[in-house]
PDB file of N, CA and C in Angstrom:
ATOM      1  N   UNK A   1     -11.105  18.008  -0.204  1.00  0.00           N
ATOM      2  CA  UNK A   1     -10.674  16.615  -0.264  1.00  0.00           C
ATOM      3  C   UNK A   1     -11.639  15.838  -1.143  1.00  0.00           C
ATOM      4  N   UNK A   2     -11.121  14.870  -1.769  1.00  0.00           N
ATOM      5  CA  UNK A   2     -11.922  14.047  -2.664  1.00  0.00           C
ATOM      6  C   UNK A   2     -12.957  13.243  -1.893  1.00  0.00           C
ATOM      7  N   UNK A   3     -14.111  13.064  -2.505  1.00  0.00           N
ATOM      8  CA  UNK A   3     -15.142  12.237  -1.888  1.00  0.00           C
ATOM      9  C   UNK A   3     -14.973  10.775  -2.265  1.00  0.00           C
ATOM     10  N   UNK A   4     -13.942  10.480  -3.000  1.00  0.00           N
ATOM     11  CA  UNK A   4     -13.704   9.127  -3.469  1.00  0.00           C
ATOM     12  C   UNK A   4     -13.012   8.295  -2.391  1.00  0.00           C
ATOM     13  N   UNK A   5     -13.673   7.256  -1.957  1.00  0.00           N
ATOM     14  CA  UNK A   5     -13.092   6.359  -0.959  1.00  0.00           C
ATOM     15  C   UNK A   5     -11.906   5.610  -1.554  1.00  0.00           C
ATOM     16  N   UNK A   6     -11.972   5.249  -2.821  1.00  0.00           N
ATOM     17  CA  UNK A   6     -10.871   4.506  -3.440  1.00  0.00           C
ATOM     18  C   UNK A   6      -9.598   5.348  -3.483  1.00  0.00           C
ATOM     19  N   UNK A   7      -9.727   6.652  -3.706  1.00  0.00           N
ATOM     20  CA  UNK A   7      -8.551   7.521  -3.723  1.00  0.00           C
ATOM     21  C   UNK A   7      -7.993   7.674  -2.310  1.00  0.00           C
ATOM     22  N   UNK A   8      -8.868   7.801  -1.324  1.00  0.00           N
ATOM     23  CA  UNK A   8      -8.398   7.895   0.064  1.00  0.00           C
ATOM     24  C   UNK A   8      -7.670   6.621   0.479  1.00  0.00           C
ATOM     25  N   UNK A   9      -8.179   5.467   0.080  1.00  0.00           N
ATOM     26  CA  UNK A   9      -7.517   4.203   0.380  1.00  0.00           C
ATOM     27  C   UNK A   9      -6.170   4.111  -0.323  1.00  0.00           C
ATOM     28  N   UNK A  10      -6.098   4.610  -1.550  1.00  0.00           N
ATOM     29  CA  UNK A  10      -4.842   4.620  -2.291  1.00  0.00           C
ATOM     30  C   UNK A  10      -3.810   5.495  -1.584  1.00  0.00           C
ATOM     31  N   UNK A  11      -4.217   6.668  -1.126  1.00  0.00           N
ATOM     32  CA  UNK A  11      -3.298   7.558  -0.413  1.00  0.00           C
ATOM     33  C   UNK A  11      -2.804   6.888   0.860  1.00  0.00           C
ATOM     34  N   UNK A  12      -3.702   6.226   1.584  1.00  0.00           N
ATOM     35  CA  UNK A  12      -3.304   5.518   2.799  1.00  0.00           C
ATOM     36  C   UNK A  12      -2.311   4.407   2.486  1.00  0.00           C
ATOM     37  N   UNK A  13      -2.598   3.604   1.459  1.00  0.00           N
ATOM     38  CA  UNK A  13      -1.694   2.512   1.094  1.00  0.00           C
ATOM     39  C   UNK A  13      -0.312   3.035   0.721  1.00  0.00           C
ATOM     40  N   UNK A  14      -0.274   4.118  -0.046  1.00  0.00           N
ATOM     41  CA  UNK A  14       1.010   4.684  -0.460  1.00  0.00           C
ATOM     42  C   UNK A  14       1.773   5.214   0.744  1.00  0.00           C
ATOM     43  N   UNK A  15       1.075   5.895   1.650  1.00  0.00           N
ATOM     44  CA  UNK A  15       1.742   6.432   2.843  1.00  0.00           C
ATOM     45  C   UNK A  15       2.335   5.310   3.696  1.00  0.00           C
ATOM     46  N   UNK A  16       1.568   4.253   3.917  1.00  0.00           N
ATOM     47  CA  UNK A  16       2.068   3.134   4.726  1.00  0.00           C
ATOM     48  C   UNK A  16       3.223   2.431   4.009  1.00  0.00           C
ATOM     49  N   UNK A  17       3.122   2.294   2.689  1.00  0.00           N
ATOM     50  CA  UNK A  17       4.206   1.660   1.932  1.00  0.00           C
ATOM     51  C   UNK A  17       5.479   2.495   2.004  1.00  0.00           C
ATOM     52  N   UNK A  18       5.360   3.804   1.956  1.00  0.00           N
ATOM     53  CA  UNK A  18       6.550   4.655   2.064  1.00  0.00           C
ATOM     54  C   UNK A  18       7.170   4.571   3.455  1.00  0.00           C
ATOM     55  N   UNK A  19       6.349   4.518   4.491  1.00  0.00           N
ATOM     56  CA  UNK A  19       6.873   4.345   5.852  1.00  0.00           C
ATOM     57  C   UNK A  19       7.598   3.003   5.958  1.00  0.00           C
ATOM     58  N   UNK A  20       6.998   1.958   5.408  1.00  0.00           N
ATOM     59  CA  UNK A  20       7.637   0.645   5.422  1.00  0.00           C
ATOM     60  C   UNK A  20       8.930   0.620   4.628  1.00  0.00           C
ATOM     61  N   UNK A  21       8.947   1.300   3.483  1.00  0.00           N
ATOM     62  CA  UNK A  21      10.153   1.340   2.656  1.00  0.00           C
ATOM     63  C   UNK A  21      11.281   2.068   3.368  1.00  0.00           C
ATOM     64  N   UNK A  22      10.976   3.194   3.977  1.00  0.00           N
ATOM     65  CA  UNK A  22      11.997   3.934   4.720  1.00  0.00           C
ATOM     66  C   UNK A  22      12.519   3.088   5.880  1.00  0.00           C
ATOM     67  N   UNK A  23      11.621   2.432   6.575  1.00  0.00           N
ATOM     68  CA  UNK A  23      12.042   1.557   7.664  1.00  0.00           C
ATOM     69  C   UNK A  23      12.919   0.426   7.180  1.00  0.00           C
ATOM     70  N   UNK A  24      12.567  -0.152   6.043  1.00  0.00           N
ATOM     71  CA  UNK A  24      13.358  -1.252   5.486  1.00  0.00           C
ATOM     72  C   UNK A  24      14.734  -0.763   5.030  1.00  0.00           C
ATOM     73  N   UNK A  25      14.766   0.375   4.342  1.00  0.00           N
ATOM     74  CA  UNK A  25      16.032   0.882   3.812  1.00  0.00           C
ATOM     75  C   UNK A  25      16.991   1.315   4.917  1.00  0.00           C
ATOM     76  N   UNK A  26      16.455   1.825   6.012  1.00  0.00           N
ATOM     77  CA  UNK A  26      17.312   2.249   7.115  1.00  0.00           C
ATOM     78  C   UNK A  26      17.499   1.160   8.173  1.00  0.00           C
ATOM     79  N   UNK A  27      16.977  -0.023   7.932  1.00  0.00           N
ATOM     80  CA  UNK A  27      17.138  -1.166   8.832  1.00  0.00           C
ATOM     81  C   UNK A  27      16.760  -0.803  10.268  1.00  0.00           C
ATOM     82  N   UNK A  28      15.593  -0.179  10.420  1.00  0.00           N
ATOM     83  CA  UNK A  28      15.213   0.338  11.735  1.00  0.00           C
ATOM     84  C   UNK A  28      14.903  -0.757  12.743  1.00  0.00           C
ATOM     85  N   UNK A  29      14.573  -1.947  12.309  1.00  0.00           N
ATOM     86  CA  UNK A  29      14.243  -3.001  13.271  1.00  0.00           C
ATOM     87  C   UNK A  29      15.456  -3.831  13.686  1.00  0.00           C
ATOM     88  N   UNK A  30      16.599  -3.596  13.066  1.00  0.00           N
ATOM     89  CA  UNK A  30      17.811  -4.311  13.451  1.00  0.00           C
ATOM     90  C   UNK A  30      18.338  -3.669  14.735  1.00  0.00           C
ATOM     91  N   UNK A  31      18.470  -4.459  15.757  1.00  0.00           N
ATOM     92  CA  UNK A  31      18.941  -3.999  17.073  1.00  0.00           C
ATOM     93  C   UNK A  31      18.092  -2.849  17.618  1.00  0.00           C
ATOM     94  N   UNK A  32      16.817  -2.836  17.307  1.00  0.00           N
ATOM     95  CA  UNK A  32      15.927  -1.767  17.768  1.00  0.00           C
ATOM     96  C   UNK A  32      15.236  -2.174  19.057  1.00  0.00           C
ATOM     97  N   UNK A  33      14.699  -1.190  19.721  1.00  0.00           N
ATOM     98  CA  UNK A  33      13.938  -1.449  20.930  1.00  0.00           C
ATOM     99  C   UNK A  33      12.589  -2.073  20.586  1.00  0.00           C
ATOM    100  N   UNK A  34      11.940  -2.565  21.604  1.00  0.00           N
ATOM    101  CA  UNK A  34      10.662  -3.251  21.413  1.00  0.00           C
ATOM    102  C   UNK A  34       9.601  -2.326  20.823  1.00  0.00           C
ATOM    103  N   UNK A  35       9.567  -1.063  21.232  1.00  0.00           N
ATOM    104  CA  UNK A  35       8.550  -0.142  20.729  1.00  0.00           C
ATOM    105  C   UNK A  35       8.704   0.091  19.223  1.00  0.00           C
ATOM    106  N   UNK A  36       9.924   0.186  18.750  1.00  0.00           N
ATOM    107  CA  UNK A  36      10.156   0.376  17.313  1.00  0.00           C
ATOM    108  C   UNK A  36       9.698  -0.859  16.551  1.00  0.00           C
ATOM    109  N   UNK A  37      10.033  -2.024  17.069  1.00  0.00           N
ATOM    110  CA  UNK A  37       9.605  -3.266  16.416  1.00  0.00           C
ATOM    111  C   UNK A  37       8.090  -3.408  16.430  1.00  0.00           C
ATOM    112  N   UNK A  38       7.457  -3.032  17.542  1.00  0.00           N
ATOM    113  CA  UNK A  38       5.998  -3.125  17.623  1.00  0.00           C
ATOM    114  C   UNK A  38       5.315  -2.168  16.654  1.00  0.00           C
ATOM    115  N   UNK A  39       5.994  -1.101  16.262  1.00  0.00           N
ATOM    116  CA  UNK A  39       5.434  -0.193  15.262  1.00  0.00           C
ATOM    117  C   UNK A  39       5.667  -0.715  13.855  1.00  0.00           C
ATOM    118  N   UNK A  40       6.893  -1.126  13.549  1.00  0.00           N
ATOM    119  CA  UNK A  40       7.239  -1.434  12.160  1.00  0.00           C
ATOM    120  C   UNK A  40       6.801  -2.819  11.695  1.00  0.00           C
ATOM    121  N   UNK A  41       6.756  -3.820  12.545  1.00  0.00           N
ATOM    122  CA  UNK A  41       6.349  -5.143  12.077  1.00  0.00           C
ATOM    123  C   UNK A  41       4.918  -5.165  11.544  1.00  0.00           C
ATOM    124  N   UNK A  42       3.955  -4.525  12.212  1.00  0.00           N
ATOM    125  CA  UNK A  42       2.614  -4.469  11.601  1.00  0.00           C
ATOM    126  C   UNK A  42       2.587  -3.664  10.304  1.00  0.00           C
ATOM    127  N   UNK A  43       3.431  -2.625  10.217  1.00  0.00           N
ATOM    128  CA  UNK A  43       3.511  -1.844   8.974  1.00  0.00           C
ATOM    129  C   UNK A  43       4.015  -2.733   7.844  1.00  0.00           C
ATOM    130  N   UNK A  44       5.078  -3.506   8.105  1.00  0.00           N
ATOM    131  CA  UNK A  44       5.598  -4.421   7.090  1.00  0.00           C
ATOM    132  C   UNK A  44       4.539  -5.443   6.682  1.00  0.00           C
ATOM    133  N   UNK A  45       3.847  -5.980   7.667  1.00  0.00           N
ATOM    134  CA  UNK A  45       2.798  -6.962   7.374  1.00  0.00           C
ATOM    135  C   UNK A  45       1.682  -6.368   6.531  1.00  0.00           C
ATOM    136  N   UNK A  46       1.265  -5.147   6.857  1.00  0.00           N
ATOM    137  CA  UNK A  46       0.207  -4.508   6.076  1.00  0.00           C
ATOM    138  C   UNK A  46       0.652  -4.286   4.639  1.00  0.00           C
ATOM    139  N   UNK A  47       1.889  -3.817   4.476  1.00  0.00           N
ATOM    140  CA  UNK A  47       2.381  -3.563   3.114  1.00  0.00           C
ATOM    141  C   UNK A  47       2.417  -4.860   2.312  1.00  0.00           C
ATOM    142  N   UNK A  48       2.833  -5.960   2.952  1.00  0.00           N
ATOM    143  CA  UNK A  48       2.897  -7.232   2.227  1.00  0.00           C
ATOM    144  C   UNK A  48       1.523  -7.731   1.813  1.00  0.00           C
ATOM    145  N   UNK A  49       0.504  -7.374   2.565  1.00  0.00           N
ATOM    146  CA  UNK A  49      -0.857  -7.819   2.248  1.00  0.00           C
ATOM    147  C   UNK A  49      -1.724  -6.716   1.634  1.00  0.00           C
ATOM    148  N   UNK A  50      -1.153  -5.549   1.379  1.00  0.00           N
ATOM    149  CA  UNK A  50      -1.961  -4.422   0.906  1.00  0.00           C
ATOM    150  C   UNK A  50      -2.471  -4.602  -0.515  1.00  0.00           C
ATOM    151  N   UNK A  51      -1.962  -5.590  -1.239  1.00  0.00           N
ATOM    152  CA  UNK A  51      -2.528  -5.840  -2.563  1.00  0.00           C
ATOM    153  C   UNK A  51      -3.984  -6.280  -2.443  1.00  0.00           C
ATOM    154  N   UNK A  52      -4.359  -6.851  -1.294  1.00  0.00           N
ATOM    155  CA  UNK A  52      -5.755  -7.243  -1.063  1.00  0.00           C
ATOM    156  C   UNK A  52      -6.622  -5.993  -0.920  1.00  0.00           C
ATOM    157  N   UNK A  53      -6.158  -5.023  -0.107  1.00  0.00           N
ATOM    158  CA  UNK A  53      -6.944  -3.795   0.039  1.00  0.00           C
ATOM    159  C   UNK A  53      -6.957  -2.992  -1.248  1.00  0.00           C
ATOM    160  N   UNK A  54      -5.904  -3.091  -2.039  1.00  0.00           N
ATOM    161  CA  UNK A  54      -5.907  -2.402  -3.330  1.00  0.00           C
ATOM    162  C   UNK A  54      -6.880  -3.047  -4.302  1.00  0.00           C
ATOM    163  N   UNK A  55      -7.029  -4.354  -4.241  1.00  0.00           N
ATOM    164  CA  UNK A  55      -8.038  -5.016  -5.079  1.00  0.00           C
ATOM    165  C   UNK A  55      -9.435  -4.547  -4.678  1.00  0.00           C
ATOM    166  N   UNK A  56      -9.647  -4.384  -3.379  1.00  0.00           N
ATOM    167  CA  UNK A  56     -10.925  -3.832  -2.915  1.00  0.00           C
ATOM    168  C   UNK A  56     -11.073  -2.401  -3.404  1.00  0.00           C
ATOM    169  N   UNK A  57      -9.980  -1.635  -3.395  1.00  0.00           N
ATOM    170  CA  UNK A  57     -10.005  -0.262  -3.897  1.00  0.00           C
ATOM    171  C   UNK A  57     -10.348  -0.180  -5.374  1.00  0.00           C
ATOM    172  N   UNK A  58      -9.903  -1.158  -6.146  1.00  0.00           N
ATOM    173  CA  UNK A  58     -10.250  -1.189  -7.569  1.00  0.00           C
ATOM    174  C   UNK A  58     -11.748  -1.383  -7.737  1.00  0.00           C
ATOM    175  N   UNK A  59     -12.296  -2.330  -7.010  1.00  0.00           N
ATOM    176  CA  UNK A  59     -13.741  -2.582  -7.083  1.00  0.00           C
ATOM    177  C   UNK A  59     -14.513  -1.342  -6.635  1.00  0.00           C
ATOM    178  N   UNK A  60     -14.049  -0.724  -5.561  1.00  0.00           N
ATOM    179  CA  UNK A  60     -14.700   0.472  -5.052  1.00  0.00           C
ATOM    180  C   UNK A  60     -14.644   1.599  -6.089  1.00  0.00           C
ATOM    181  N   UNK A  61     -13.499   1.731  -6.754  1.00  0.00           N
ATOM    182  CA  UNK A  61     -13.360   2.748  -7.797  1.00  0.00           C
ATOM    183  C   UNK A  61     -14.310   2.518  -8.953  1.00  0.00           C
ATOM    184  N   UNK A  62     -14.485   1.277  -9.340  1.00  0.00           N
ATOM    185  CA  UNK A  62     -15.434   0.955 -10.416  1.00  0.00           C
ATOM    186  C   UNK A  62     -16.853   1.313  -9.988  1.00  0.00           C
ATOM    187  N   UNK A  63     -17.198   0.992  -8.746  1.00  0.00           N
ATOM    188  CA  UNK A  63     -18.526   1.337  -8.248  1.00  0.00           C
ATOM    189  C   UNK A  63     -18.725   2.851  -8.191  1.00  0.00           C
ATOM    190  N   UNK A  64     -17.672   3.576  -7.820  1.00  0.00           N
ATOM    191  CA  UNK A  64     -17.751   5.041  -7.807  1.00  0.00           C
ATOM    192  C   UNK A  64     -17.940   5.596  -9.208  1.00  0.00           C
ATOM    193  N   UNK A  65     -17.251   5.025 -10.173  1.00  0.00           N
ATOM    194  CA  UNK A  65     -17.412   5.471 -11.568  1.00  0.00           C
ATOM    195  C   UNK A  65     -18.843   5.240 -12.037  1.00  0.00           C
ATOM    196  N   UNK A  66     -19.434   4.136 -11.626  1.00  0.00           N
ATOM    197  CA  UNK A  66     -20.821   3.871 -12.003  1.00  0.00           C
ATOM    198  C   UNK A  66     -21.777   4.874 -11.367  1.00  0.00           C
ATOM    199  N   UNK A  67     -21.391   5.406 -10.204  1.00  0.00           N
ATOM    200  CA  UNK A  67     -22.211   6.422  -9.540  1.00  0.00           C
ATOM    201  C   UNK A  67     -21.958   7.815 -10.099  1.00  0.00           C
ATOM    202  N   UNK A  68     -20.973   7.945 -10.984  1.00  0.00           N
ATOM    203  CA  UNK A  68     -20.674   9.231 -11.596  1.00  0.00           C
ATOM    204  C   UNK A  68     -19.565  10.010 -10.913  1.00  0.00           C
ATOM    205  N   UNK A  69     -18.859   9.399  -9.966  1.00  0.00           N
ATOM    206  CA  UNK A  69     -17.733  10.065  -9.299  1.00  0.00           C
ATOM    207  C   UNK A  69     -16.493   9.840 -10.157  1.00  0.00           C
ATOM    208  N   UNK A  70     -16.008  10.923 -10.774  1.00  0.00           N
ATOM    209  CA  UNK A  70     -14.879  10.796 -11.706  1.00  0.00           C
ATOM    210  C   UNK A  70     -13.583  10.387 -11.026  1.00  0.00           C
ATOM    211  N   UNK A  71     -13.420  10.689  -9.745  1.00  0.00           N
ATOM    212  CA  UNK A  71     -12.187  10.322  -9.036  1.00  0.00           C
ATOM    213  C   UNK A  71     -12.039   8.811  -8.910  1.00  0.00           C
ATOM    214  N   UNK A  72     -13.119   8.083  -9.111  1.00  0.00           N
ATOM    215  CA  UNK A  72     -13.035   6.630  -9.069  1.00  0.00           C
ATOM    216  C   UNK A  72     -12.079   6.081 -10.113  1.00  0.00           C
ATOM    217  N   UNK A  73     -11.964   6.774 -11.240  1.00  0.00           N
ATOM    218  CA  UNK A  73     -11.032   6.361 -12.304  1.00  0.00           C
ATOM    219  C   UNK A  73      -9.591   6.437 -11.805  1.00  0.00           C
ATOM    220  N   UNK A  74      -9.273   7.506 -11.069  1.00  0.00           N
ATOM    221  CA  UNK A  74      -7.937   7.639 -10.487  1.00  0.00           C
ATOM    222  C   UNK A  74      -7.680   6.497  -9.511  1.00  0.00           C
ATOM    223  N   UNK A  75      -8.694   6.151  -8.734  1.00  0.00           N
ATOM    224  CA  UNK A  75      -8.558   5.045  -7.800  1.00  0.00           C
ATOM    225  C   UNK A  75      -8.280   3.727  -8.487  1.00  0.00           C
ATOM    226  N   UNK A  76      -8.994   3.463  -9.567  1.00  0.00           N
ATOM    227  CA  UNK A  76      -8.804   2.202 -10.301  1.00  0.00           C
ATOM    228  C   UNK A  76      -7.400   2.124 -10.887  1.00  0.00           C
ATOM    229  N   UNK A  77      -6.988   3.167 -11.566  1.00  0.00           N
ATOM    230  CA  UNK A  77      -5.655   3.171 -12.196  1.00  0.00           C
ATOM    231  C   UNK A  77      -4.565   3.151 -11.128  1.00  0.00           C
ATOM    232  N   UNK A  78      -4.734   3.972 -10.093  1.00  0.00           N
ATOM    233  CA  UNK A  78      -3.731   4.041  -9.035  1.00  0.00           C
ATOM    234  C   UNK A  78      -3.551   2.727  -8.306  1.00  0.00           C
ATOM    235  N   UNK A  79      -4.654   2.073  -7.973  1.00  0.00           N
ATOM    236  CA  UNK A  79      -4.562   0.786  -7.271  1.00  0.00           C
ATOM    237  C   UNK A  79      -3.962  -0.288  -8.174  1.00  0.00           C
ATOM    238  N   UNK A  80      -4.271  -0.241  -9.452  1.00  0.00           N
ATOM    239  CA  UNK A  80      -3.685  -1.224 -10.380  1.00  0.00           C
ATOM    240  C   UNK A  80      -2.169  -1.075 -10.438  1.00  0.00           C
ATOM    241  N   UNK A  81      -1.699   0.154 -10.546  1.00  0.00           N
ATOM    242  CA  UNK A  81      -0.262   0.402 -10.568  1.00  0.00           C
ATOM    243  C   UNK A  81       0.358   0.035  -9.217  1.00  0.00           C
ATOM    244  N   UNK A  82      -0.333   0.375  -8.139  1.00  0.00           N
ATOM    245  CA  UNK A  82       0.156   0.072  -6.792  1.00  0.00           C
ATOM    246  C   UNK A  82       0.355  -1.431  -6.609  1.00  0.00           C
ATOM    247  N   UNK A  83      -0.611  -2.223  -7.047  1.00  0.00           N
ATOM    248  CA  UNK A  83      -0.494  -3.675  -6.918  1.00  0.00           C
ATOM    249  C   UNK A  83       0.732  -4.179  -7.674  1.00  0.00           C
ATOM    250  N   UNK A  84       0.914  -3.703  -8.892  1.00  0.00           N
ATOM    251  CA  UNK A  84       2.061  -4.146  -9.693  1.00  0.00           C
ATOM    252  C   UNK A  84       3.385  -3.766  -9.026  1.00  0.00           C
ATOM    253  N   UNK A  85       3.476  -2.540  -8.522  1.00  0.00           N
ATOM    254  CA  UNK A  85       4.716  -2.081  -7.898  1.00  0.00           C
ATOM    255  C   UNK A  85       4.988  -2.839  -6.597  1.00  0.00           C
ATOM    256  N   UNK A  86       3.966  -3.021  -5.770  1.00  0.00           N
ATOM    257  CA  UNK A  86       4.172  -3.714  -4.492  1.00  0.00           C
ATOM    258  C   UNK A  86       4.570  -5.176  -4.719  1.00  0.00           C
ATOM    259  N   UNK A  87       3.896  -5.855  -5.620  1.00  0.00           N
ATOM    260  CA  UNK A  87       4.256  -7.253  -5.866  1.00  0.00           C
ATOM    261  C   UNK A  87       5.652  -7.378  -6.464  1.00  0.00           C
ATOM    262  N   UNK A  88       6.028  -6.456  -7.360  1.00  0.00           N
ATOM    263  CA  UNK A  88       7.377  -6.481  -7.931  1.00  0.00           C
ATOM    264  C   UNK A  88       8.423  -6.194  -6.851  1.00  0.00           C
ATOM    265  N   UNK A  89       8.146  -5.237  -5.972  1.00  0.00           N
ATOM    266  CA  UNK A  89       9.087  -4.907  -4.898  1.00  0.00           C
ATOM    267  C   UNK A  89       9.222  -6.059  -3.914  1.00  0.00           C
ATOM    268  N   UNK A  90       8.117  -6.683  -3.550  1.00  0.00           N
ATOM    269  CA  UNK A  90       8.185  -7.824  -2.636  1.00  0.00           C
ATOM    270  C   UNK A  90       8.956  -8.982  -3.253  1.00  0.00           C
ATOM    271  N   UNK A  91       8.760  -9.224  -4.540  1.00  0.00           N
ATOM    272  CA  UNK A  91       9.505 -10.276  -5.223  1.00  0.00           C
ATOM    273  C   UNK A  91      10.998  -9.951  -5.256  1.00  0.00           C
ATOM    274  N   UNK A  92      11.333  -8.678  -5.519  1.00  0.00           N
ATOM    275  CA  UNK A  92      12.743  -8.281  -5.549  1.00  0.00           C
ATOM    276  C   UNK A  92      13.386  -8.420  -4.177  1.00  0.00           C
ATOM    277  N   UNK A  93      12.676  -8.009  -3.138  1.00  0.00           N
ATOM    278  CA  UNK A  93      13.214  -8.144  -1.781  1.00  0.00           C
ATOM    279  C   UNK A  93      13.378  -9.612  -1.422  1.00  0.00           C
ATOM    280  N   UNK A  94      12.412 -10.435  -1.808  1.00  0.00           N
ATOM    281  CA  UNK A  94      12.501 -11.864  -1.528  1.00  0.00           C
ATOM    282  C   UNK A  94      13.728 -12.473  -2.212  1.00  0.00           C
ATOM    283  N   UNK A  95      13.943 -12.117  -3.480  1.00  0.00           N
ATOM    284  CA  UNK A  95      15.079 -12.671  -4.216  1.00  0.00           C
ATOM    285  C   UNK A  95      16.408 -12.191  -3.652  1.00  0.00           C
ATOM    286  N   UNK A  96      16.441 -10.951  -3.121  1.00  0.00           N
ATOM    287  CA  UNK A  96      17.693 -10.442  -2.538  1.00  0.00           C
ATOM    288  C   UNK A  96      18.070 -11.196  -1.271  1.00  0.00           C
ATOM    289  N   UNK A  97      17.086 -11.658  -0.548  1.00  0.00           N
ATOM    290  CA  UNK A  97      17.364 -12.288   0.737  1.00  0.00           C
ATOM    291  C   UNK A  97      17.358 -13.812   0.684  1.00  0.00           C
ATOM    292  N   UNK A  98      17.084 -14.382  -0.474  1.00  0.00           N
ATOM    293  CA  UNK A  98      17.061 -15.855  -0.557  1.00  0.00           C
ATOM    294  C   UNK A  98      17.891 -16.325  -1.713  1.00  0.00           C
TER     295      UNK A  98
END
């Protein structure tokens, strides 16, 4: 496994975003039980705010690159793309519902 914290954070963000996307596409919280809602609402909230953790991941990746960890470059590029995709997706979802 990579020793890069920025890459691990990127993998976590992507995994949570995919769980949120699947939940959104299958409308799992519509007429769902309380346990399902208690799981998915925090996931949705994290995904909506994950651009903040990705910005931290970018900074962390830069610091890793300065320490000589090459995987930090993957973290910087990955988090930059992640931020763009998440913000574009949130804007598209917002426009679809308003």
